[in-house]
C-alpha atoms as a PDB file:
ATOM      1  CA  MET A   1     -10.407   4.705   2.403  1.00  0.00           C
ATOM      2  CA  ASN A   2      -7.670   6.918   0.938  1.00  0.00           C
ATOM      3  CA  TRP A   3      -7.980  10.657   0.437  1.00  0.00           C
ATOM      4  CA  THR A   4      -6.451  12.670  -2.397  1.00  0.00           C
ATOM      5  CA  TRP A   5      -5.413  16.197  -1.441  1.00  0.00           C
ATOM      6  CA  SER A   6      -5.262  18.565  -4.432  1.00  0.00           C
ATOM      7  CA  ILE A   7      -3.775  21.994  -3.854  1.00  0.00           C
ATOM      8  CA  ARG A   8      -3.680  24.539  -6.673  1.00  0.00           C
ATOM      9  CA  SER A   9      -2.018  27.924  -6.490  1.00  0.00           C
ATOM     10  CA  SER A  10      -4.570  30.575  -7.411  1.00  0.00           C
ATOM     11  CA  ASP A  11      -1.718  32.696  -8.775  1.00  0.00           C
ATOM     12  CA  GLY A  12      -0.436  31.921 -12.242  1.00  0.00           C
ATOM     13  CA  GLY A  13      -2.357  31.306 -15.399  1.00  0.00           C
ATOM     14  CA  MET A  14      -6.074  31.671 -15.924  1.00  0.00           C
ATOM     15  CA  ASN A  15      -6.864  28.541 -13.881  1.00  0.00           C
ATOM     16  CA  GLY A  16      -3.936  28.625 -11.466  1.00  0.00           C
ATOM     17  CA  LEU A  17      -1.144  26.072 -11.253  1.00  0.00           C
ATOM     18  CA  GLU A  18      -1.116  22.692  -9.547  1.00  0.00           C
ATOM     19  CA  PHE A  19       1.041  22.755  -6.400  1.00  0.00           C
ATOM     20  CA  CYS A  20       0.547  19.159  -5.272  1.00  0.00           C
ATOM     21  CA  ARG A  21      -1.736  16.170  -5.520  1.00  0.00           C
ATOM     22  CA  CYS A  22      -1.014  13.869  -2.576  1.00  0.00           C
ATOM     23  CA  LEU A  23      -2.508  10.598  -1.397  1.00  0.00           C
ATOM     24  CA  THR A  24      -3.020   9.951   2.309  1.00  0.00           C
ATOM     25  CA  ALA A  25      -4.990   7.450   4.321  1.00  0.00           C
ATOM     26  CA  GLY A  26      -8.460   8.743   5.129  1.00  0.00           C
ATOM     27  CA  GLY A  27      -9.233  10.496   8.368  1.00  0.00           C
ATOM     28  CA  HIS A  28      -6.417  13.028   8.395  1.00  0.00           C
ATOM     29  CA  GLU A  29      -8.401  16.054   9.527  1.00  0.00           C
ATOM     30  CA  ARG A  30      -5.233  18.155   9.560  1.00  0.00           C
ATOM     31  CA  VAL A  31      -2.056  18.168   7.505  1.00  0.00           C
ATOM     32  CA  LEU A  32       0.974  20.386   7.174  1.00  0.00           C
ATOM     33  CA  VAL A  33       2.010  21.838   3.817  1.00  0.00           C
ATOM     34  CA  HIS A  34       5.620  22.839   3.204  1.00  0.00           C
ATOM     35  CA  ALA A  35       6.084  26.163   1.351  1.00  0.00           C
ATOM     36  CA  ALA A  36       2.368  26.505   0.581  1.00  0.00           C
ATOM     37  CA  PRO A  37       1.346  29.070  -2.020  1.00  0.00           C
ATOM     38  CA  ALA A  38      -0.045  32.339  -0.637  1.00  0.00           C
ATOM     39  CA  LYS A  39      -3.371  31.765  -2.412  1.00  0.00           C
ATOM     40  CA  ALA A  40      -4.504  28.171  -2.711  1.00  0.00           C
ATOM     41  CA  SER A  41      -7.565  26.177  -3.658  1.00  0.00           C
ATOM     42  CA  VAL A  42      -7.804  22.924  -1.696  1.00  0.00           C
ATOM     43  CA  GLU A  43      -9.923  19.898  -2.525  1.00  0.00           C
ATOM     44  CA  VAL A  44      -9.925  16.610  -0.613  1.00  0.00           C
ATOM     45  CA  ILE A  45     -11.575  13.672  -2.384  1.00  0.00           C
ATOM     46  CA  ALA A  46     -12.164  10.123  -1.067  1.00  0.00           C
ATOM     47  CA  ASP A  47     -11.497   7.034  -3.208  1.00  0.00           C
ATOM     48  CA  ASP A  48     -15.213   6.709  -3.968  1.00  0.00           C
ATOM     49  CA  GLY A  49     -15.329  10.273  -5.383  1.00  0.00           C
ATOM     50  CA  THR A  50     -16.967  11.830  -2.331  1.00  0.00           C
ATOM     51  CA  VAL A  51     -15.829  15.391  -1.639  1.00  0.00           C
ATOM     52  CA  VAL A  52     -14.456  15.393   1.907  1.00  0.00           C
ATOM     53  CA  ALA A  53     -13.675  19.122   1.920  1.00  0.00           C
ATOM     54  CA  ARG A  54     -13.142  22.001  -0.458  1.00  0.00           C
ATOM     55  CA  GLY A  55     -12.187  25.617  -0.011  1.00  0.00           C
ATOM     56  CA  GLU A  56      -9.968  28.587  -0.641  1.00  0.00           C
ATOM     57  CA  ALA A  57      -7.005  28.841   1.702  1.00  0.00           C
ATOM     58  CA  GLU A  58      -5.388  32.259   1.524  1.00  0.00           C
ATOM     59  CA  ARG A  59      -2.464  33.265   3.755  1.00  0.00           C
ATOM     60  CA  LYS A  60      -3.641  35.858   6.282  1.00  0.00           C
ATOM     61  CA  ASP A  61      -0.746  35.695   8.736  1.00  0.00           C
ATOM     62  CA  ASP A  62       2.993  36.281   8.319  1.00  0.00           C
ATOM     63  CA  TYR A  63       4.856  33.755   6.188  1.00  0.00           C
ATOM     64  CA  SER A  64       5.941  30.494   7.761  1.00  0.00           C
ATOM     65  CA  PRO A  65       7.648  27.585   6.008  1.00  0.00           C
ATOM     66  CA  MET A  66       4.817  25.365   7.278  1.00  0.00           C
ATOM     67  CA  THR A  67       1.085  25.800   6.827  1.00  0.00           C
ATOM     68  CA  LEU A  68      -1.458  23.807   8.803  1.00  0.00           C
ATOM     69  CA  LEU A  69      -4.660  22.885   6.963  1.00  0.00           C
ATOM     70  CA  GLU A  70      -7.597  21.704   9.079  1.00  0.00           C
ATOM     71  CA  LEU A  71     -10.835  20.276   7.759  1.00  0.00           C
ATOM     72  CA  ALA A  72     -14.006  21.484   9.439  1.00  0.00           C
ATOM     73  CA  GLY A  73     -17.500  20.673   8.221  1.00  0.00           C
ATOM     74  CA  GLY A  74     -16.530  20.255   4.580  1.00  0.00           C
ATOM     75  CA  THR A  75     -14.401  23.392   4.506  1.00  0.00           C
ATOM     76  CA  VAL A  76     -10.679  24.083   4.897  1.00  0.00           C
ATOM     77  CA  ARG A  77      -9.076  26.344   7.508  1.00  0.00           C
ATOM     78  CA  ARG A  78      -5.496  27.594   7.114  1.00  0.00           C
ATOM     79  CA  PHE A  79      -2.943  28.583   9.762  1.00  0.00           C
ATOM     80  CA  GLU A  80       0.707  29.571   9.326  1.00  0.00           C
ATOM     81  CA  VAL A  81       2.617  27.649  12.011  1.00  0.00           C
ATOM     82  CA  TRP A  82       6.088  27.027  13.391  1.00  0.00           C
ATOM     83  CA  PRO A  83       5.715  23.378  14.435  1.00  0.00           C
ATOM     84  CA  ASP A  84       6.302  22.220  17.986  1.00  0.00           C
ATOM     85  CA  ASP A  85       6.236  18.752  19.534  1.00  0.00           C
ATOM     86  CA  THR A  86       2.438  18.599  19.258  1.00  0.00           C
ATOM     87  CA  LEU A  87       2.728  18.455  15.452  1.00  0.00           C
ATOM     88  CA  LEU A  88       5.337  15.684  15.290  1.00  0.00           C
ATOM     89  CA  GLY A  89       3.773  12.710  13.500  1.00  0.00           C
ATOM     90  CA  THR A  90       1.572  14.941  11.333  1.00  0.00           C
ATOM     91  CA  VAL A  91       1.448  14.305   7.595  1.00  0.00           C
ATOM     92  CA  VAL A  92       3.350  16.891   5.524  1.00  0.00           C
ATOM     93  CA  LEU A  93       2.295  17.512   1.915  1.00  0.00           C
ATOM     94  CA  LEU A  94       5.190  18.450  -0.339  1.00  0.00           C
ATOM     95  CA  ALA A  95       5.159  20.270  -3.673  1.00  0.00           C
ATOM     96  CA  GLY A  96       4.930  17.798  -6.508  1.00  0.00           C
ATOM     97  CA  GLY A  97       2.853  15.208  -4.692  1.00  0.00           C
ATOM     98  CA  GLU A  98       4.725  13.431  -1.896  1.00  0.00           C
ATOM     99  CA  ALA A  99       3.175  12.974   1.543  1.00  0.00           C
ATOM    100  CA  ALA A 100       5.563  12.400   4.450  1.00  0.00           C
ATOM    101  CA  THR A 101       5.452  12.298   8.253  1.00  0.00           C
ATOM    102  CA  LEU A 102       7.044  15.106  10.300  1.00  0.00           C
ATOM    103  CA  THR A 103       9.641  13.480  12.565  1.00  0.00           C
ATOM    104  CA  ALA A 104      11.600  16.504  13.864  1.00  0.00           C
ATOM    105  CA  TRP A 105      11.427  20.300  13.839  1.00  0.00           C
ATOM    106  CA  GLU A 106      13.521  23.053  15.394  1.00  0.00           C
ATOM    107  CA  HIS A 107      13.965  26.744  14.735  1.00  0.00           C
ATOM    108  CA  ALA A 108      15.684  29.836  16.107  1.00  0.00           C
ATOM    109  CA  ALA A 109      13.714  31.932  18.574  1.00  0.00           C
ATOM    110  CA  ASP A 110      13.796  34.810  16.063  1.00  0.00           C
ATOM    111  CA  ARG A 111      12.750  32.400  13.275  1.00  0.00           C
ATOM    112  CA  SER A 112      15.813  33.253  11.202  1.00  0.00           C
ATOM    113  CA  TRP A 113      16.494  29.558  10.542  1.00  0.00           C
ATOM    114  CA  TRP A 114      14.799  26.182  10.831  1.00  0.00           C
ATOM    115  CA  ARG A 115      15.681  22.520  10.462  1.00  0.00           C
ATOM    116  CA  TRP A 116      13.252  19.683   9.988  1.00  0.00           C
ATOM    117  CA  SER A 117      13.032  16.022   9.055  1.00  0.00           C
ATOM    118  CA  VAL A 118      10.358  13.886   7.475  1.00  0.00           C
ATOM    119  CA  GLU A 119       9.945  10.181   6.861  1.00  0.00           C
ATOM    120  CA  LEU A 120       8.675   8.865   3.546  1.00  0.00           C
ATOM    121  CA  SER A 121       7.054   5.454   3.186  1.00  0.00           C
ATOM    122  CA  ASN A 122       4.786   3.903   0.601  1.00  0.00           C
ATOM    123  CA  HIS A 123       3.081   0.729  -0.538  1.00  0.00           C
ATOM    124  CA  THR A 124       2.216  -0.674  -3.944  1.00  0.00           C
ATOM    125  CA  GLY A 125      -1.411  -1.039  -4.929  1.00  0.00           C
ATOM    126  CA  ARG A 126      -2.913   1.844  -2.874  1.00  0.00           C
ATOM    127  CA  PRO A 127      -4.418  -0.219  -0.028  1.00  0.00           C
ATOM    128  CA  ALA A 128      -6.987   1.766   1.922  1.00  0.00           C
ATOM    129  CA  ASP A 129      -5.713   3.555   5.050  1.00  0.00           C
ATOM    130  CA  TRP A 130      -2.317   1.865   4.911  1.00  0.00           C
ATOM    131  CA  SER A 131       0.462   3.048   7.211  1.00  0.00           C
ATOM    132  CA  PRO A 132       3.831   1.478   8.006  1.00  0.00           C
ATOM    133  CA  PRO A 133       3.952  -0.947  10.940  1.00  0.00           C
ATOM    134  CA  GLU A 134       4.517   0.793  14.278  1.00  0.00           C
ATOM    135  CA  ASN A 135       4.234   4.214  12.661  1.00  0.00           C
ATOM    136  CA  ASP A 136       2.890   7.008  14.845  1.00  0.00           C
ATOM    137  CA  VAL A 137       0.986   9.186  12.393  1.00  0.00           C
ATOM    138  CA  SER A 138      -1.328  11.878  13.777  1.00  0.00           C
ATOM    139  CA  ARG A 139      -4.811  12.144  12.358  1.00  0.00           C
END
């Protein structure tokens, strides 16, 4: 079963602004978000309309270019992270609606610069829980 991740910025307009609406295979209990808004409403919905998780995810730590969202008991937890090897293979949600897989990450010790790579893949027809052959995607 696929999951749709909807992230809205709580800043901007009376009802906020849509940041991304991304489709992933089901079961991804954690995802990264690139350049996440400081205040965000997150909703994860399964193909059958079931709410997987919902919550407000406000930045509490110093800014990082990557935010880790974790689902826990129907709610969403947020962490600002500088990825390491343990997060390679994690899905990255991008503004506008693409979902990719983190393949590489490096940054300066003082965090003055970073470089990262993602892989994009897709399939027509939205088959449930599809992933590319031999793809190592973390759930």
